[in-house]
Each structure stands twice: as structure tokens, then as C-alpha cells.
Amino acid sequence: MARSYTVVLNTTDVDAAKRLTDHVRAKGGAVTSRYDIGSIPAFAAELPPDVLAAVEADGDVDYVEANPPDRTG
């Protein structure tokens, strides 16, 4: 089951962010938003456990943080 995470990169390279978001989509995850923290790319995504493990192991990722569950509706 996919869960929502925020992924923050350790580089200002927007190509790294695009590569990672493309990888997430190709592996069955869903990128819900992309943004910058200062000049550092970040994105929010729904990640299944196997995709989460691959993202966490990527050399361009600084950290991955679980987002709180959506309590609306």
C-alpha cells in the first residue's frame, strides 16, 4: 500500500529531481507535487514500499519523511 512522503534532494540539480520523479511514476508511485525549499528541489509522492526503498537509496536524496495521514472526509 502506498503512503504519502516528502522527498528532499541534496542537490540543486533540477534534472536530478526530474529523473527521480520520472522513476517514481515508472515504478507505480504518484508524484502529487513538486516544489523547492530555497534552491533545493523536493516533491511529495505516494510511494509503495519497494519504490520508497529505491528512493531512499538514491544518492541525490537527502531525506524522505512520511507525511501525516489525510484526516479529511
N, C-alpha and C. Protein backbone atom coordinates (compact mmCIF):
# COMPACT_ATOMS: atom_id res chain seq x y z
N MET A 1 0.84 -1.18 0.00
CA MET A 1 0.00 0.00 0.00
C MET A 1 0.89 1.24 0.00
N ALA A 2 0.57 2.20 -0.84
CA ALA A 2 1.35 3.42 -0.94
C ALA A 2 1.00 4.36 0.20
N ARG A 3 2.01 5.11 0.61
CA ARG A 3 1.84 6.12 1.65
C ARG A 3 2.46 7.41 1.15
N SER A 4 2.01 8.54 1.67
CA SER A 4 2.50 9.84 1.23
C SER A 4 3.80 10.21 1.94
N TYR A 5 4.78 10.66 1.15
CA TYR A 5 6.08 11.05 1.67
C TYR A 5 6.51 12.37 1.03
N THR A 6 7.36 13.09 1.73
CA THR A 6 8.07 14.23 1.17
C THR A 6 9.50 13.79 0.93
N VAL A 7 10.00 14.04 -0.27
CA VAL A 7 11.37 13.67 -0.65
C VAL A 7 12.15 14.96 -0.89
N VAL A 8 13.26 15.13 -0.18
CA VAL A 8 14.11 16.31 -0.33
C VAL A 8 15.46 15.88 -0.86
N LEU A 9 15.90 16.54 -1.92
CA LEU A 9 17.16 16.19 -2.55
C LEU A 9 18.33 16.89 -1.85
N ASN A 10 19.54 16.42 -2.13
CA ASN A 10 20.74 17.02 -1.56
C ASN A 10 21.52 17.80 -2.62
N THR A 11 20.83 18.20 -3.67
CA THR A 11 21.45 18.89 -4.79
C THR A 11 20.49 19.96 -5.31
N THR A 12 21.01 20.97 -5.98
CA THR A 12 20.16 21.98 -6.62
C THR A 12 19.85 21.60 -8.07
N ASP A 13 20.29 20.45 -8.50
CA ASP A 13 20.13 20.00 -9.89
C ASP A 13 18.68 19.59 -10.16
N VAL A 14 17.97 20.41 -10.94
CA VAL A 14 16.57 20.08 -11.25
C VAL A 14 16.46 18.83 -12.11
N ASP A 15 17.51 18.50 -12.86
CA ASP A 15 17.49 17.27 -13.65
C ASP A 15 17.44 16.04 -12.74
N ALA A 16 18.07 16.12 -11.58
CA ALA A 16 18.00 15.01 -10.63
C ALA A 16 16.58 14.85 -10.11
N ALA A 17 15.90 15.95 -9.86
CA ALA A 17 14.51 15.89 -9.41
C ALA A 17 13.62 15.29 -10.49
N LYS A 18 13.83 15.69 -11.73
CA LYS A 18 13.04 15.14 -12.83
C LYS A 18 13.31 13.64 -12.98
N ARG A 19 14.56 13.25 -12.90
CA ARG A 19 14.91 11.83 -13.01
C ARG A 19 14.21 11.02 -11.92
N LEU A 20 14.24 11.54 -10.69
CA LEU A 20 13.61 10.82 -9.58
C LEU A 20 12.10 10.76 -9.72
N THR A 21 11.47 11.87 -10.08
CA THR A 21 10.01 11.84 -10.22
C THR A 21 9.59 10.94 -11.38
N ASP A 22 10.35 10.93 -12.47
CA ASP A 22 10.08 10.00 -13.58
C ASP A 22 10.21 8.56 -13.11
N HIS A 23 11.23 8.27 -12.30
CA HIS A 23 11.44 6.92 -11.77
C HIS A 23 10.26 6.50 -10.88
N VAL A 24 9.82 7.41 -10.01
CA VAL A 24 8.68 7.11 -9.12
C VAL A 24 7.45 6.76 -9.95
N ARG A 25 7.17 7.56 -10.96
CA ARG A 25 5.99 7.29 -11.81
C ARG A 25 6.13 5.97 -12.56
N ALA A 26 7.31 5.69 -13.08
CA ALA A 26 7.54 4.46 -13.84
C ALA A 26 7.38 3.21 -12.98
N LYS A 27 7.66 3.34 -11.69
CA LYS A 27 7.58 2.19 -10.78
C LYS A 27 6.23 2.09 -10.06
N GLY A 28 5.26 2.92 -10.45
CA GLY A 28 3.93 2.80 -9.87
C GLY A 28 3.60 3.77 -8.76
N GLY A 29 4.50 4.68 -8.46
CA GLY A 29 4.21 5.71 -7.47
C GLY A 29 3.52 6.89 -8.14
N ALA A 30 3.06 7.83 -7.34
CA ALA A 30 2.37 9.00 -7.88
C ALA A 30 2.96 10.26 -7.24
N VAL A 31 3.52 11.13 -8.06
CA VAL A 31 4.04 12.41 -7.58
C VAL A 31 2.87 13.36 -7.48
N THR A 32 2.63 13.88 -6.28
CA THR A 32 1.47 14.75 -6.07
C THR A 32 1.82 16.23 -6.14
N SER A 33 3.08 16.59 -5.91
CA SER A 33 3.51 17.98 -6.09
C SER A 33 5.02 18.05 -6.13
N ARG A 34 5.53 19.08 -6.83
CA ARG A 34 6.96 19.37 -6.87
C ARG A 34 7.14 20.80 -6.44
N TYR A 35 8.18 21.08 -5.68
CA TYR A 35 8.44 22.43 -5.20
C TYR A 35 9.90 22.55 -4.82
N ASP A 36 10.31 23.73 -4.41
CA ASP A 36 11.68 23.97 -3.98
C ASP A 36 11.68 24.44 -2.53
N ILE A 37 12.67 24.00 -1.80
CA ILE A 37 12.92 24.51 -0.45
C ILE A 37 14.19 25.34 -0.59
N GLY A 38 14.02 26.66 -0.70
CA GLY A 38 15.14 27.50 -1.10
C GLY A 38 15.47 27.15 -2.54
N SER A 39 16.68 26.68 -2.79
CA SER A 39 17.05 26.26 -4.14
C SER A 39 17.13 24.74 -4.26
N ILE A 40 16.71 24.03 -3.22
CA ILE A 40 16.78 22.56 -3.22
C ILE A 40 15.45 21.97 -3.70
N PRO A 41 15.48 21.14 -4.75
CA PRO A 41 14.25 20.51 -5.22
C PRO A 41 13.70 19.51 -4.19
N ALA A 42 12.37 19.46 -4.14
CA ALA A 42 11.68 18.49 -3.28
C ALA A 42 10.37 18.12 -3.97
N PHE A 43 9.78 17.01 -3.54
CA PHE A 43 8.48 16.65 -4.07
C PHE A 43 7.74 15.77 -3.07
N ALA A 44 6.43 15.78 -3.20
CA ALA A 44 5.57 14.90 -2.40
C ALA A 44 5.10 13.79 -3.33
N ALA A 45 5.01 12.58 -2.79
CA ALA A 45 4.63 11.45 -3.63
C ALA A 45 3.99 10.35 -2.80
N GLU A 46 3.14 9.58 -3.46
CA GLU A 46 2.59 8.36 -2.90
C GLU A 46 3.55 7.24 -3.33
N LEU A 47 4.20 6.61 -2.35
CA LEU A 47 5.23 5.62 -2.66
C LEU A 47 4.89 4.26 -2.07
N PRO A 48 4.79 3.23 -2.93
CA PRO A 48 4.70 1.87 -2.42
C PRO A 48 6.03 1.51 -1.73
N PRO A 49 6.04 0.53 -0.84
CA PRO A 49 7.26 0.21 -0.07
C PRO A 49 8.51 -0.05 -0.92
N ASP A 50 8.38 -0.76 -2.04
CA ASP A 50 9.56 -1.05 -2.85
C ASP A 50 10.10 0.21 -3.52
N VAL A 51 9.22 1.12 -3.92
CA VAL A 51 9.65 2.38 -4.53
C VAL A 51 10.28 3.27 -3.46
N LEU A 52 9.71 3.27 -2.27
CA LEU A 52 10.28 4.04 -1.14
C LEU A 52 11.72 3.61 -0.90
N ALA A 53 11.98 2.32 -0.87
CA ALA A 53 13.33 1.81 -0.62
C ALA A 53 14.31 2.29 -1.70
N ALA A 54 13.88 2.28 -2.95
CA ALA A 54 14.74 2.73 -4.05
C ALA A 54 15.01 4.23 -3.95
N VAL A 55 13.99 5.00 -3.60
CA VAL A 55 14.17 6.46 -3.47
C VAL A 55 15.11 6.77 -2.32
N GLU A 56 14.92 6.10 -1.18
CA GLU A 56 15.79 6.34 -0.02
C GLU A 56 17.25 6.01 -0.32
N ALA A 57 17.49 5.04 -1.19
CA ALA A 57 18.85 4.61 -1.52
C ALA A 57 19.50 5.48 -2.60
N ASP A 58 18.73 6.35 -3.24
CA ASP A 58 19.26 7.18 -4.32
C ASP A 58 20.27 8.19 -3.76
N GLY A 59 21.39 8.33 -4.43
CA GLY A 59 22.46 9.22 -3.97
C GLY A 59 22.12 10.71 -3.99
N ASP A 60 21.08 11.10 -4.73
CA ASP A 60 20.69 12.51 -4.79
C ASP A 60 19.64 12.87 -3.74
N VAL A 61 19.22 11.92 -2.92
CA VAL A 61 18.19 12.17 -1.91
C VAL A 61 18.83 12.46 -0.57
N ASP A 62 18.46 13.60 0.03
CA ASP A 62 18.94 13.97 1.36
C ASP A 62 18.13 13.21 2.41
N TYR A 63 16.80 13.34 2.35
CA TYR A 63 15.96 12.59 3.28
C TYR A 63 14.56 12.41 2.74
N VAL A 64 13.87 11.41 3.29
CA VAL A 64 12.48 11.11 2.96
C VAL A 64 11.72 11.13 4.28
N GLU A 65 10.61 11.85 4.29
CA GLU A 65 9.82 11.99 5.52
C GLU A 65 8.38 11.60 5.24
N ALA A 66 7.80 10.76 6.10
CA ALA A 66 6.40 10.38 5.95
C ALA A 66 5.51 11.58 6.26
N ASN A 67 4.53 11.79 5.41
CA ASN A 67 3.55 12.85 5.65
C ASN A 67 2.45 12.31 6.56
N PRO A 68 1.86 13.18 7.37
CA PRO A 68 0.77 12.71 8.23
C PRO A 68 -0.40 12.23 7.39
N PRO A 69 -1.16 11.27 7.88
CA PRO A 69 -2.30 10.78 7.12
C PRO A 69 -3.33 11.89 6.91
N ASP A 70 -4.00 11.83 5.78
CA ASP A 70 -5.06 12.79 5.47
C ASP A 70 -6.28 12.48 6.33
N ARG A 71 -6.68 13.41 7.12
CA ARG A 71 -7.80 13.19 8.03
C ARG A 71 -9.08 13.87 7.56
N THR A 72 -9.13 14.26 6.30
CA THR A 72 -10.33 14.91 5.79
C THR A 72 -11.34 13.87 5.33
N GLY A 73 -12.57 14.30 5.24
CA GLY A 73 -13.61 13.50 4.62
C GLY A 73 -14.16 12.44 5.42
